[in-house]
Amino acid sequence: MQGDALQEHARNIAAALKYVTSGHPFTPHLEVWKVQEKVFLIVTDDDPNLQIITVKVDPLHGDALRRDFDTITVGRYFNKQHWISVGPGSGITKKLIGDLVHDSYDLAHDRDRQRNA
């Protein structure tokens, strides 16, 4: 999967989820997706050499993904334990991107619900 397709697929998945907003609150180069004010996806814009997404993960799952995929690295913009960045490469599929975006959404959304309970 090419970088632009990876990013577009992540955007499409995120846009279909409930209670989601997107914008550029930090810089014009980072498209930030939130669920009820909690970040769950960042799409790096305007840099053809850095076509990545960054998502929230369970730390153990993130460790396994970084071990198994060369183009999955520690999160570029947030806590290195709870975030990963995903770039184009071998084994990076639409299904994987969809799963990662959904999991990140669930982590951010569940955290918000737990705090309000």
PDB file of N, CA and C in Angstrom:
ATOM      1  N   MET A   1       0.844  -1.172   0.000  1.00  0.00           N
ATOM      2  CA  MET A   1       0.000   0.000   0.000  1.00  0.00           C
ATOM      3  C   MET A   1       0.895   1.243   0.000  1.00  0.00           C
ATOM      4  N   GLN A   2       0.634   2.140  -0.905  1.00  0.00           N
ATOM      5  CA  GLN A   2       1.387   3.392  -1.002  1.00  0.00           C
ATOM      6  C   GLN A   2       0.975   4.350   0.125  1.00  0.00           C
ATOM      7  N   GLY A   3       1.850   5.301   0.422  1.00  0.00           N
ATOM      8  CA  GLY A   3       1.611   6.212   1.535  1.00  0.00           C
ATOM      9  C   GLY A   3       0.350   7.041   1.410  1.00  0.00           C
ATOM     10  N   ASP A   4       0.092   7.587   0.213  1.00  0.00           N
ATOM     11  CA  ASP A   4      -1.106   8.408   0.055  1.00  0.00           C
ATOM     12  C   ASP A   4      -2.373   7.571   0.192  1.00  0.00           C
ATOM     13  N   ALA A   5      -2.342   6.330  -0.288  1.00  0.00           N
ATOM     14  CA  ALA A   5      -3.497   5.433  -0.149  1.00  0.00           C
ATOM     15  C   ALA A   5      -3.693   5.038   1.312  1.00  0.00           C
ATOM     16  N   LEU A   6      -2.611   4.802   2.016  1.00  0.00           N
ATOM     17  CA  LEU A   6      -2.660   4.471   3.443  1.00  0.00           C
ATOM     18  C   LEU A   6      -3.340   5.605   4.209  1.00  0.00           C
ATOM     19  N   GLN A   7      -2.897   6.829   3.947  1.00  0.00           N
ATOM     20  CA  GLN A   7      -3.455   7.982   4.646  1.00  0.00           C
ATOM     21  C   GLN A   7      -4.931   8.192   4.299  1.00  0.00           C
ATOM     22  N   GLU A   8      -5.260   8.062   3.023  1.00  0.00           N
ATOM     23  CA  GLU A   8      -6.648   8.254   2.599  1.00  0.00           C
ATOM     24  C   GLU A   8      -7.561   7.195   3.218  1.00  0.00           C
ATOM     25  N   HIS A   9      -7.092   5.965   3.267  1.00  0.00           N
ATOM     26  CA  HIS A   9      -7.891   4.900   3.875  1.00  0.00           C
ATOM     27  C   HIS A   9      -8.113   5.181   5.369  1.00  0.00           C
ATOM     28  N   ALA A  10      -7.082   5.613   6.066  1.00  0.00           N
ATOM     29  CA  ALA A  10      -7.222   5.953   7.490  1.00  0.00           C
ATOM     30  C   ALA A  10      -8.231   7.083   7.676  1.00  0.00           C
ATOM     31  N   ARG A  11      -8.168   8.104   6.826  1.00  0.00           N
ATOM     32  CA  ARG A  11      -9.133   9.211   6.903  1.00  0.00           C
ATOM     33  C   ARG A  11     -10.567   8.708   6.690  1.00  0.00           C
ATOM     34  N   ASN A  12     -10.757   7.864   5.683  1.00  0.00           N
ATOM     35  CA  ASN A  12     -12.099   7.357   5.385  1.00  0.00           C
ATOM     36  C   ASN A  12     -12.658   6.540   6.544  1.00  0.00           C
ATOM     37  N   ILE A  13     -11.820   5.713   7.143  1.00  0.00           N
ATOM     38  CA  ILE A  13     -12.252   4.923   8.299  1.00  0.00           C
ATOM     39  C   ILE A  13     -12.639   5.862   9.445  1.00  0.00           C
ATOM     40  N   ALA A  14     -11.780   6.823   9.747  1.00  0.00           N
ATOM     41  CA  ALA A  14     -12.027   7.748  10.861  1.00  0.00           C
ATOM     42  C   ALA A  14     -13.296   8.568  10.634  1.00  0.00           C
ATOM     43  N   ALA A  15     -13.496   9.032   9.414  1.00  0.00           N
ATOM     44  CA  ALA A  15     -14.652   9.882   9.118  1.00  0.00           C
ATOM     45  C   ALA A  15     -15.977   9.145   9.304  1.00  0.00           C
ATOM     46  N   ALA A  16     -15.963   7.831   9.208  1.00  0.00           N
ATOM     47  CA  ALA A  16     -17.188   7.039   9.340  1.00  0.00           C
ATOM     48  C   ALA A  16     -17.540   6.719  10.796  1.00  0.00           C
ATOM     49  N   LEU A  17     -16.662   7.050  11.724  1.00  0.00           N
ATOM     50  CA  LEU A  17     -16.889   6.729  13.134  1.00  0.00           C
ATOM     51  C   LEU A  17     -17.718   7.820  13.820  1.00  0.00           C
ATOM     52  N   LYS A  18     -18.418   7.453  14.885  1.00  0.00           N
ATOM     53  CA  LYS A  18     -19.282   8.392  15.608  1.00  0.00           C
ATOM     54  C   LYS A  18     -18.472   9.369  16.458  1.00  0.00           C
ATOM     55  N   TYR A  19     -19.004  10.582  16.565  1.00  0.00           N
ATOM     56  CA  TYR A  19     -18.480  11.623  17.459  1.00  0.00           C
ATOM     57  C   TYR A  19     -17.074  12.091  17.086  1.00  0.00           C
ATOM     58  N   VAL A  20     -16.721  11.989  15.827  1.00  0.00           N
ATOM     59  CA  VAL A  20     -15.363  12.299  15.379  1.00  0.00           C
ATOM     60  C   VAL A  20     -15.302  13.694  14.771  1.00  0.00           C
ATOM     61  N   THR A  21     -14.213  14.399  15.084  1.00  0.00           N
ATOM     62  CA  THR A  21     -13.909  15.681  14.450  1.00  0.00           C
ATOM     63  C   THR A  21     -12.479  15.625  13.928  1.00  0.00           C
ATOM     64  N   SER A  22     -12.187  16.499  12.976  1.00  0.00           N
ATOM     65  CA  SER A  22     -10.806  16.588  12.485  1.00  0.00           C
ATOM     66  C   SER A  22     -10.462  18.046  12.250  1.00  0.00           C
ATOM     67  N   GLY A  23      -9.174  18.322  12.303  1.00  0.00           N
ATOM     68  CA  GLY A  23      -8.699  19.674  12.082  1.00  0.00           C
ATOM     69  C   GLY A  23      -7.188  19.720  12.144  1.00  0.00           C
ATOM     70  N   HIS A  24      -6.661  20.932  12.165  1.00  0.00           N
ATOM     71  CA  HIS A  24      -5.212  21.154  12.191  1.00  0.00           C
ATOM     72  C   HIS A  24      -4.860  22.065  13.372  1.00  0.00           C
ATOM     73  N   PRO A  25      -5.067  21.614  14.615  1.00  0.00           N
ATOM     74  CA  PRO A  25      -4.862  22.491  15.772  1.00  0.00           C
ATOM     75  C   PRO A  25      -3.403  22.797  16.101  1.00  0.00           C
ATOM     76  N   PHE A  26      -2.484  21.948  15.678  1.00  0.00           N
ATOM     77  CA  PHE A  26      -1.076  22.121  16.047  1.00  0.00           C
ATOM     78  C   PHE A  26      -0.272  22.807  14.951  1.00  0.00           C
ATOM     79  N   THR A  27      -0.447  22.348  13.724  1.00  0.00           N
ATOM     80  CA  THR A  27       0.283  22.863  12.570  1.00  0.00           C
ATOM     81  C   THR A  27      -0.496  22.482  11.317  1.00  0.00           C
ATOM     82  N   PRO A  28      -0.358  23.236  10.242  1.00  0.00           N
ATOM     83  CA  PRO A  28      -1.071  22.880   9.013  1.00  0.00           C
ATOM     84  C   PRO A  28      -0.638  21.528   8.430  1.00  0.00           C
ATOM     85  N   HIS A  29       0.462  20.996   8.901  1.00  0.00           N
ATOM     86  CA  HIS A  29       1.001  19.752   8.348  1.00  0.00           C
ATOM     87  C   HIS A  29       0.514  18.497   9.068  1.00  0.00           C
ATOM     88  N   LEU A  30      -0.239  18.671  10.142  1.00  0.00           N
ATOM     89  CA  LEU A  30      -0.743  17.520  10.894  1.00  0.00           C
ATOM     90  C   LEU A  30      -2.265  17.581  10.973  1.00  0.00           C
ATOM     91  N   GLU A  31      -2.917  16.624  10.324  1.00  0.00           N
ATOM     92  CA  GLU A  31      -4.372  16.514  10.410  1.00  0.00           C
ATOM     93  C   GLU A  31      -4.697  15.638  11.621  1.00  0.00           C
ATOM     94  N   VAL A  32      -5.369  16.229  12.598  1.00  0.00           N
ATOM     95  CA  VAL A  32      -5.636  15.565  13.875  1.00  0.00           C
ATOM     96  C   VAL A  32      -7.102  15.140  13.931  1.00  0.00           C
ATOM     97  N   TRP A  33      -7.313  13.869  14.231  1.00  0.00           N
ATOM     98  CA  TRP A  33      -8.660  13.303  14.368  1.00  0.00           C
ATOM     99  C   TRP A  33      -8.909  13.011  15.840  1.00  0.00           C
ATOM    100  N   LYS A  34     -10.091  13.434  16.324  1.00  0.00           N
ATOM    101  CA  LYS A  34     -10.425  13.268  17.738  1.00  0.00           C
ATOM    102  C   LYS A  34     -11.800  12.629  17.883  1.00  0.00           C
ATOM    103  N   VAL A  35     -11.970  11.907  18.980  1.00  0.00           N
ATOM    104  CA  VAL A  35     -13.280  11.443  19.411  1.00  0.00           C
ATOM    105  C   VAL A  35     -13.532  12.089  20.764  1.00  0.00           C
ATOM    106  N   GLN A  36     -14.563  12.905  20.831  1.00  0.00           N
ATOM    107  CA  GLN A  36     -14.912  13.630  22.048  1.00  0.00           C
ATOM    108  C   GLN A  36     -13.680  14.282  22.685  1.00  0.00           C
ATOM    109  N   GLU A  37     -12.958  15.028  21.862  1.00  0.00           N
ATOM    110  CA  GLU A  37     -11.786  15.822  22.257  1.00  0.00           C
ATOM    111  C   GLU A  37     -10.542  15.011  22.610  1.00  0.00           C
ATOM    112  N   LYS A  38     -10.548  13.711  22.373  1.00  0.00           N
ATOM    113  CA  LYS A  38      -9.369  12.862  22.615  1.00  0.00           C
ATOM    114  C   LYS A  38      -8.779  12.460  21.271  1.00  0.00           C
ATOM    115  N   VAL A  39      -7.508  12.728  21.070  1.00  0.00           N
ATOM    116  CA  VAL A  39      -6.834  12.399  19.813  1.00  0.00           C
ATOM    117  C   VAL A  39      -6.731  10.883  19.662  1.00  0.00           C
ATOM    118  N   PHE A  40      -7.058  10.393  18.446  1.00  0.00           N
ATOM    119  CA  PHE A  40      -6.868   8.970  18.166  1.00  0.00           C
ATOM    120  C   PHE A  40      -6.142   8.721  16.850  1.00  0.00           C
ATOM    121  N   LEU A  41      -5.990   9.747  16.004  1.00  0.00           N
ATOM    122  CA  LEU A  41      -5.318   9.581  14.713  1.00  0.00           C
ATOM    123  C   LEU A  41      -4.684  10.896  14.299  1.00  0.00           C
ATOM    124  N   ILE A  42      -3.456  10.805  13.812  1.00  0.00           N
ATOM    125  CA  ILE A  42      -2.795  11.953  13.192  1.00  0.00           C
ATOM    126  C   ILE A  42      -2.325  11.519  11.814  1.00  0.00           C
ATOM    127  N   VAL A  43      -2.663  12.331  10.818  1.00  0.00           N
ATOM    128  CA  VAL A  43      -2.211  12.089   9.452  1.00  0.00           C
ATOM    129  C   VAL A  43      -1.225  13.195   9.106  1.00  0.00           C
ATOM    130  N   THR A  44      -0.011  12.818   8.751  1.00  0.00           N
ATOM    131  CA  THR A  44       1.013  13.792   8.392  1.00  0.00           C
ATOM    132  C   THR A  44       0.790  14.233   6.950  1.00  0.00           C
ATOM    133  N   ASP A  45       0.492  15.520   6.755  1.00  0.00           N
ATOM    134  CA  ASP A  45       0.202  16.078   5.429  1.00  0.00           C
ATOM    135  C   ASP A  45       1.422  16.782   4.846  1.00  0.00           C
ATOM    136  N   ASP A  46       1.385  16.990   3.561  1.00  0.00           N
ATOM    137  CA  ASP A  46       2.312  17.884   2.858  1.00  0.00           C
ATOM    138  C   ASP A  46       3.774  17.466   2.862  1.00  0.00           C
ATOM    139  N   ASP A  47       4.078  16.213   3.099  1.00  0.00           N
ATOM    140  CA  ASP A  47       5.466  15.762   3.036  1.00  0.00           C
ATOM    141  C   ASP A  47       5.509  14.397   2.356  1.00  0.00           C
ATOM    142  N   PRO A  48       5.844  14.362   1.062  1.00  0.00           N
ATOM    143  CA  PRO A  48       5.850  13.087   0.336  1.00  0.00           C
ATOM    144  C   PRO A  48       6.870  12.089   0.877  1.00  0.00           C
ATOM    145  N   ASN A  49       7.831  12.559   1.650  1.00  0.00           N
ATOM    146  CA  ASN A  49       8.821  11.658   2.243  1.00  0.00           C
ATOM    147  C   ASN A  49       8.396  11.128   3.609  1.00  0.00           C
ATOM    148  N   LEU A  50       7.260  11.602   4.110  1.00  0.00           N
ATOM    149  CA  LEU A  50       6.791  11.195   5.431  1.00  0.00           C
ATOM    150  C   LEU A  50       5.279  10.954   5.380  1.00  0.00           C
ATOM    151  N   GLN A  51       4.872   9.998   4.564  1.00  0.00           N
ATOM    152  CA  GLN A  51       3.451   9.678   4.414  1.00  0.00           C
ATOM    153  C   GLN A  51       3.079   8.623   5.453  1.00  0.00           C
ATOM    154  N   ILE A  52       2.800   9.114   6.665  1.00  0.00           N
ATOM    155  CA  ILE A  52       2.522   8.222   7.788  1.00  0.00           C
ATOM    156  C   ILE A  52       1.209   8.600   8.453  1.00  0.00           C
ATOM    157  N   ILE A  53       0.734   7.666   9.273  1.00  0.00           N
ATOM    158  CA  ILE A  53      -0.324   7.956  10.229  1.00  0.00           C
ATOM    159  C   ILE A  53       0.228   7.603  11.605  1.00  0.00           C
ATOM    160  N   THR A  54      -0.317   8.220  12.628  1.00  0.00           N
ATOM    161  CA  THR A  54       0.074   7.916  13.999  1.00  0.00           C
ATOM    162  C   THR A  54      -1.192   7.588  14.776  1.00  0.00           C
ATOM    163  N   VAL A  55      -1.172   6.446  15.469  1.00  0.00           N
ATOM    164  CA  VAL A  55      -2.353   5.966  16.193  1.00  0.00           C
ATOM    165  C   VAL A  55      -1.981   5.525  17.603  1.00  0.00           C
ATOM    166  N   LYS A  56      -2.974   5.543  18.471  1.00  0.00           N
ATOM    167  CA  LYS A  56      -2.821   5.088  19.858  1.00  0.00           C
ATOM    168  C   LYS A  56      -2.911   3.563  19.886  1.00  0.00           C
ATOM    169  N   VAL A  57      -2.072   2.922  20.713  1.00  0.00           N
ATOM    170  CA  VAL A  57      -2.087   1.459  20.835  1.00  0.00           C
ATOM    171  C   VAL A  57      -1.860   1.046  22.283  1.00  0.00           C
ATOM    172  N   ASP A  58      -2.294  -0.155  22.588  1.00  0.00           N
ATOM    173  CA  ASP A  58      -1.895  -0.795  23.834  1.00  0.00           C
ATOM    174  C   ASP A  58      -0.386  -1.019  23.736  1.00  0.00           C
ATOM    175  N   PRO A  59       0.385  -0.722  24.769  1.00  0.00           N
ATOM    176  CA  PRO A  59       1.846  -0.834  24.672  1.00  0.00           C
ATOM    177  C   PRO A  59       2.354  -2.205  24.216  1.00  0.00           C
ATOM    178  N   LEU A  60       1.767  -3.281  24.694  1.00  0.00           N
ATOM    179  CA  LEU A  60       2.227  -4.614  24.280  1.00  0.00           C
ATOM    180  C   LEU A  60       1.929  -4.875  22.810  1.00  0.00           C
ATOM    181  N   HIS A  61       0.772  -4.422  22.351  1.00  0.00           N
ATOM    182  CA  HIS A  61       0.431  -4.570  20.931  1.00  0.00           C
ATOM    183  C   HIS A  61       1.389  -3.739  20.075  1.00  0.00           C
ATOM    184  N   GLY A  62       1.696  -2.536  20.531  1.00  0.00           N
ATOM    185  CA  GLY A  62       2.640  -1.685  19.805  1.00  0.00           C
ATOM    186  C   GLY A  62       4.011  -2.320  19.690  1.00  0.00           C
ATOM    187  N   ASP A  63       4.479  -2.941  20.769  1.00  0.00           N
ATOM    188  CA  ASP A  63       5.773  -3.638  20.733  1.00  0.00           C
ATOM    189  C   ASP A  63       5.768  -4.736  19.680  1.00  0.00           C
ATOM    190  N   ALA A  64       4.699  -5.527  19.649  1.00  0.00           N
ATOM    191  CA  ALA A  64       4.606  -6.625  18.680  1.00  0.00           C
ATOM    192  C   ALA A  64       4.562  -6.095  17.252  1.00  0.00           C
ATOM    193  N   LEU A  65       3.812  -5.032  17.023  1.00  0.00           N
ATOM    194  CA  LEU A  65       3.721  -4.460  15.677  1.00  0.00           C
ATOM    195  C   LEU A  65       5.068  -3.917  15.213  1.00  0.00           C
ATOM    196  N   ARG A  66       5.776  -3.234  16.097  1.00  0.00           N
ATOM    197  CA  ARG A  66       7.094  -2.691  15.725  1.00  0.00           C
ATOM    198  C   ARG A  66       8.083  -3.809  15.428  1.00  0.00           C
ATOM    199  N   ARG A  67       7.955  -4.912  16.115  1.00  0.00           N
ATOM    200  CA  ARG A  67       8.829  -6.060  15.880  1.00  0.00           C
ATOM    201  C   ARG A  67       8.510  -6.724  14.534  1.00  0.00           C
ATOM    202  N   ASP A  68       7.220  -6.770  14.180  1.00  0.00           N
ATOM    203  CA  ASP A  68       6.789  -7.514  12.996  1.00  0.00           C
ATOM    204  C   ASP A  68       6.807  -6.723  11.698  1.00  0.00           C
ATOM    205  N   PHE A  69       6.783  -5.387  11.764  1.00  0.00           N
ATOM    206  CA  PHE A  69       6.698  -4.561  10.559  1.00  0.00           C
ATOM    207  C   PHE A  69       7.801  -3.505  10.567  1.00  0.00           C
ATOM    208  N   ASP A  70       8.586  -3.474   9.511  1.00  0.00           N
ATOM    209  CA  ASP A  70       9.689  -2.511   9.406  1.00  0.00           C
ATOM    210  C   ASP A  70       9.219  -1.062   9.381  1.00  0.00           C
ATOM    211  N   THR A  71       8.022  -0.817   8.843  1.00  0.00           N
ATOM    212  CA  THR A  71       7.563   0.567   8.685  1.00  0.00           C
ATOM    213  C   THR A  71       6.601   1.007   9.790  1.00  0.00           C
ATOM    214  N   ILE A  72       6.549   0.247  10.872  1.00  0.00           N
ATOM    215  CA  ILE A  72       5.828   0.686  12.071  1.00  0.00           C
ATOM    216  C   ILE A  72       6.879   1.020  13.117  1.00  0.00           C
ATOM    217  N   THR A  73       6.847   2.259  13.575  1.00  0.00           N
ATOM    218  CA  THR A  73       7.858   2.772  14.501  1.00  0.00           C
ATOM    219  C   THR A  73       7.176   3.391  15.723  1.00  0.00           C
ATOM    220  N   VAL A  74       7.976   3.793  16.695  1.00  0.00           N
ATOM    221  CA  VAL A  74       7.405   4.495  17.853  1.00  0.00           C
ATOM    222  C   VAL A  74       6.687   5.744  17.367  1.00  0.00           C
ATOM    223  N   GLY A  75       5.679   6.156  18.106  1.00  0.00           N
ATOM    224  CA  GLY A  75       4.884   7.311  17.714  1.00  0.00           C
ATOM    225  C   GLY A  75       5.730   8.555  17.533  1.00  0.00           C
ATOM    226  N   ARG A  76       5.498   9.236  16.455  1.00  0.00           N
ATOM    227  CA  ARG A  76       6.308  10.394  16.106  1.00  0.00           C
ATOM    228  C   ARG A  76       5.974  11.627  16.948  1.00  0.00           C
ATOM    229  N   TYR A  77       4.758  11.763  17.400  1.00  0.00           N
ATOM    230  CA  TYR A  77       4.334  13.027  17.999  1.00  0.00           C
ATOM    231  C   TYR A  77       3.933  12.942  19.466  1.00  0.00           C
ATOM    232  N   PHE A  78       3.695  11.740  19.966  1.00  0.00           N
ATOM    233  CA  PHE A  78       3.186  11.591  21.323  1.00  0.00           C
ATOM    234  C   PHE A  78       4.027  10.597  22.100  1.00  0.00           C
ATOM    235  N   ASN A  79       3.504  10.189  23.247  1.00  0.00           N
ATOM    236  CA  ASN A  79       4.148   9.213  24.115  1.00  0.00           C
ATOM    237  C   ASN A  79       4.593   7.999  23.316  1.00  0.00           C
ATOM    238  N   LYS A  80       5.861   7.680  23.374  1.00  0.00           N
ATOM    239  CA  LYS A  80       6.437   6.603  22.561  1.00  0.00           C
ATOM    240  C   LYS A  80       5.940   5.223  22.969  1.00  0.00           C
ATOM    241  N   GLN A  81       5.397   5.093  24.162  1.00  0.00           N
ATOM    242  CA  GLN A  81       4.908   3.802  24.629  1.00  0.00           C
ATOM    243  C   GLN A  81       3.486   3.528  24.137  1.00  0.00           C
ATOM    244  N   HIS A  82       2.674   4.560  24.030  1.00  0.00           N
ATOM    245  CA  HIS A  82       1.254   4.396  23.728  1.00  0.00           C
ATOM    246  C   HIS A  82       0.872   4.763  22.297  1.00  0.00           C
ATOM    247  N   TRP A  83       1.835   5.163  21.477  1.00  0.00           N
ATOM    248  CA  TRP A  83       1.538   5.584  20.110  1.00  0.00           C
ATOM    249  C   TRP A  83       2.530   4.946  19.149  1.00  0.00           C
ATOM    250  N   ILE A  84       2.042   4.635  17.937  1.00  0.00           N
ATOM    251  CA  ILE A  84       2.914   4.149  16.868  1.00  0.00           C
ATOM    252  C   ILE A  84       2.663   4.972  15.611  1.00  0.00           C
ATOM    253  N   SER A  85       3.684   5.063  14.780  1.00  0.00           N
ATOM    254  CA  SER A  85       3.541   5.661  13.459  1.00  0.00           C
ATOM    255  C   SER A  85       3.668   4.550  12.431  1.00  0.00           C
ATOM    256  N   VAL A  86       2.813   4.621  11.406  1.00  0.00           N
ATOM    257  CA  VAL A  86       2.738   3.580  10.386  1.00  0.00           C
ATOM    258  C   VAL A  86       2.975   4.209   9.024  1.00  0.00           C
ATOM    259  N   GLY A  87       3.958   3.681   8.307  1.00  0.00           N
ATOM    260  CA  GLY A  87       4.240   4.128   6.957  1.00  0.00           C
ATOM    261  C   GLY A  87       4.003   3.014   5.958  1.00  0.00           C
ATOM    262  N   PRO A  88       4.073   3.335   4.676  1.00  0.00           N
ATOM    263  CA  PRO A  88       3.859   2.317   3.654  1.00  0.00           C
ATOM    264  C   PRO A  88       4.982   1.290   3.680  1.00  0.00           C
ATOM    265  N   GLY A  89       4.639   0.060   3.353  1.00  0.00           N
ATOM    266  CA  GLY A  89       5.663  -0.978   3.316  1.00  0.00           C
ATOM    267  C   GLY A  89       5.058  -2.357   3.228  1.00  0.00           C
ATOM    268  N   SER A  90       5.917  -3.326   3.240  1.00  0.00           N
ATOM    269  CA  SER A  90       5.516  -4.720   3.134  1.00  0.00           C
ATOM    270  C   SER A  90       4.617  -5.115   4.306  1.00  0.00           C
ATOM    271  N   GLY A  91       3.473  -5.703   3.992  1.00  0.00           N
ATOM    272  CA  GLY A  91       2.557  -6.173   5.021  1.00  0.00           C
ATOM    273  C   GLY A  91       1.569  -5.141   5.523  1.00  0.00           C
ATOM    274  N   ILE A  92       1.723  -3.893   5.122  1.00  0.00           N
ATOM    275  CA  ILE A  92       0.791  -2.849   5.548  1.00  0.00           C
ATOM    276  C   ILE A  92      -0.405  -2.893   4.597  1.00  0.00           C
ATOM    277  N   THR A  93      -1.529  -3.371   5.111  1.00  0.00           N
ATOM    278  CA  THR A  93      -2.722  -3.590   4.295  1.00  0.00           C
ATOM    279  C   THR A  93      -3.867  -2.686   4.741  1.00  0.00           C
ATOM    280  N   LYS A  94      -4.900  -2.623   3.908  1.00  0.00           N
ATOM    281  CA  LYS A  94      -6.096  -1.866   4.285  1.00  0.00           C
ATOM    282  C   LYS A  94      -6.707  -2.427   5.568  1.00  0.00           C
ATOM    283  N   LYS A  95      -6.724  -3.728   5.683  1.00  0.00           N
ATOM    284  CA  LYS A  95      -7.291  -4.349   6.885  1.00  0.00           C
ATOM    285  C   LYS A  95      -6.508  -3.934   8.126  1.00  0.00           C
ATOM    286  N   LEU A  96      -5.180  -3.977   8.044  1.00  0.00           N
ATOM    287  CA  LEU A  96      -4.353  -3.580   9.184  1.00  0.00           C
ATOM    288  C   LEU A  96      -4.617  -2.124   9.551  1.00  0.00           C
ATOM    289  N   ILE A  97      -4.644  -1.236   8.559  1.00  0.00           N
ATOM    290  CA  ILE A  97      -4.892   0.184   8.826  1.00  0.00           C
ATOM    291  C   ILE A  97      -6.269   0.367   9.458  1.00  0.00           C
ATOM    292  N   GLY A  98      -7.272  -0.313   8.920  1.00  0.00           N
ATOM    293  CA  GLY A  98      -8.614  -0.228   9.494  1.00  0.00           C
ATOM    294  C   GLY A  98      -8.643  -0.695  10.937  1.00  0.00           C
ATOM    295  N   ASP A  99      -7.997  -1.818  11.210  1.00  0.00           N
ATOM    296  CA  ASP A  99      -7.944  -2.338  12.583  1.00  0.00           C
ATOM    297  C   ASP A  99      -7.248  -1.357  13.522  1.00  0.00           C
ATOM    298  N   LEU A 100      -6.134  -0.781  13.073  1.00  0.00           N
ATOM    299  CA  LEU A 100      -5.389   0.150  13.922  1.00  0.00           C
ATOM    300  C   LEU A 100      -6.187   1.416  14.218  1.00  0.00           C
ATOM    301  N   VAL A 101      -6.873   1.950  13.213  1.00  0.00           N
ATOM    302  CA  VAL A 101      -7.682   3.156  13.425  1.00  0.00           C
ATOM    303  C   VAL A 101      -8.842   2.847  14.377  1.00  0.00           C
ATOM    304  N   HIS A 102      -9.528   1.723  14.158  1.00  0.00           N
ATOM    305  CA  HIS A 102     -10.628   1.345  15.054  1.00  0.00           C
ATOM    306  C   HIS A 102     -10.137   1.123  16.489  1.00  0.00           C
ATOM    307  N   ASP A 103      -9.026   0.428  16.642  1.00  0.00           N
ATOM    308  CA  ASP A 103      -8.487   0.178  17.985  1.00  0.00           C
ATOM    309  C   ASP A 103      -8.109   1.481  18.682  1.00  0.00           C
ATOM    310  N   SER A 104      -7.494   2.395  17.940  1.00  0.00           N
ATOM    311  CA  SER A 104      -7.095   3.678  18.506  1.00  0.00           C
ATOM    312  C   SER A 104      -8.328   4.479  18.936  1.00  0.00           C
ATOM    313  N   TYR A 105      -9.336   4.492  18.084  1.00  0.00           N
ATOM    314  CA  TYR A 105     -10.604   5.152  18.410  1.00  0.00           C
ATOM    315  C   TYR A 105     -11.186   4.570  19.694  1.00  0.00           C
ATOM    316  N   ASP A 106     -11.229   3.241  19.770  1.00  0.00           N
ATOM    317  CA  ASP A 106     -11.787   2.582  20.955  1.00  0.00           C
ATOM    318  C   ASP A 106     -11.001   2.937  22.216  1.00  0.00           C
ATOM    319  N   LEU A 107      -9.684   2.965  22.127  1.00  0.00           N
ATOM    320  CA  LEU A 107      -8.864   3.321  23.290  1.00  0.00           C
ATOM    321  C   LEU A 107      -9.158   4.747  23.756  1.00  0.00           C
ATOM    322  N   ALA A 108      -9.226   5.682  22.828  1.00  0.00           N
ATOM    323  CA  ALA A 108      -9.489   7.079  23.181  1.00  0.00           C
ATOM    324  C   ALA A 108     -10.915   7.252  23.691  1.00  0.00           C
ATOM    325  N   HIS A 109     -11.864   6.631  23.044  1.00  0.00           N
ATOM    326  CA  HIS A 109     -13.274   6.765  23.409  1.00  0.00           C
ATOM    327  C   HIS A 109     -13.560   6.077  24.738  1.00  0.00           C
ATOM    328  N   ASP A 110     -13.024   4.887  24.941  1.00  0.00           N
ATOM    329  CA  ASP A 110     -13.223   4.168  26.201  1.00  0.00           C
ATOM    330  C   ASP A 110     -12.610   4.924  27.369  1.00  0.00           C
ATOM    331  N   ARG A 111     -11.452   5.522  27.152  1.00  0.00           N
ATOM    332  CA  ARG A 111     -10.798   6.297  28.212  1.00  0.00           C
ATOM    333  C   ARG A 111     -11.679   7.465  28.632  1.00  0.00           C
ATOM    334  N   ASP A 112     -12.291   8.113  27.653  1.00  0.00           N
ATOM    335  CA  ASP A 112     -13.170   9.232  27.948  1.00  0.00           C
ATOM    336  C   ASP A 112     -14.402   8.758  28.721  1.00  0.00           C
ATOM    337  N   ARG A 113     -14.979   7.626  28.336  1.00  0.00           N
ATOM    338  CA  ARG A 113     -16.155   7.097  29.034  1.00  0.00           C
ATOM    339  C   ARG A 113     -15.807   6.679  30.456  1.00  0.00           C
ATOM    340  N   GLN A 114     -14.624   6.111  30.666  1.00  0.00           N
ATOM    341  CA  GLN A 114     -14.215   5.692  32.008  1.00  0.00           C
ATOM    342  C   GLN A 114     -14.063   6.894  32.932  1.00  0.00           C
ATOM    343  N   ARG A 115     -13.533   7.985  32.413  1.00  0.00           N
ATOM    344  CA  ARG A 115     -13.350   9.187  33.236  1.00  0.00           C
ATOM    345  C   ARG A 115     -14.683   9.816  33.618  1.00  0.00           C
ATOM    346  N   ASN A 116     -15.675   9.678  32.744  1.00  0.00           N
ATOM    347  CA  ASN A 116     -16.978  10.288  33.001  1.00  0.00           C
ATOM    348  C   ASN A 116     -17.928   9.369  33.760  1.00  0.00           C
ATOM    349  N   ALA A 117     -17.505   8.147  34.055  1.00  0.00           N
ATOM    350  CA  ALA A 117     -18.383   7.191  34.752  1.00  0.00           C
ATOM    351  C   ALA A 117     -18.388   7.434  36.248  1.00  0.00           C
TER     352      ALA A 117
END
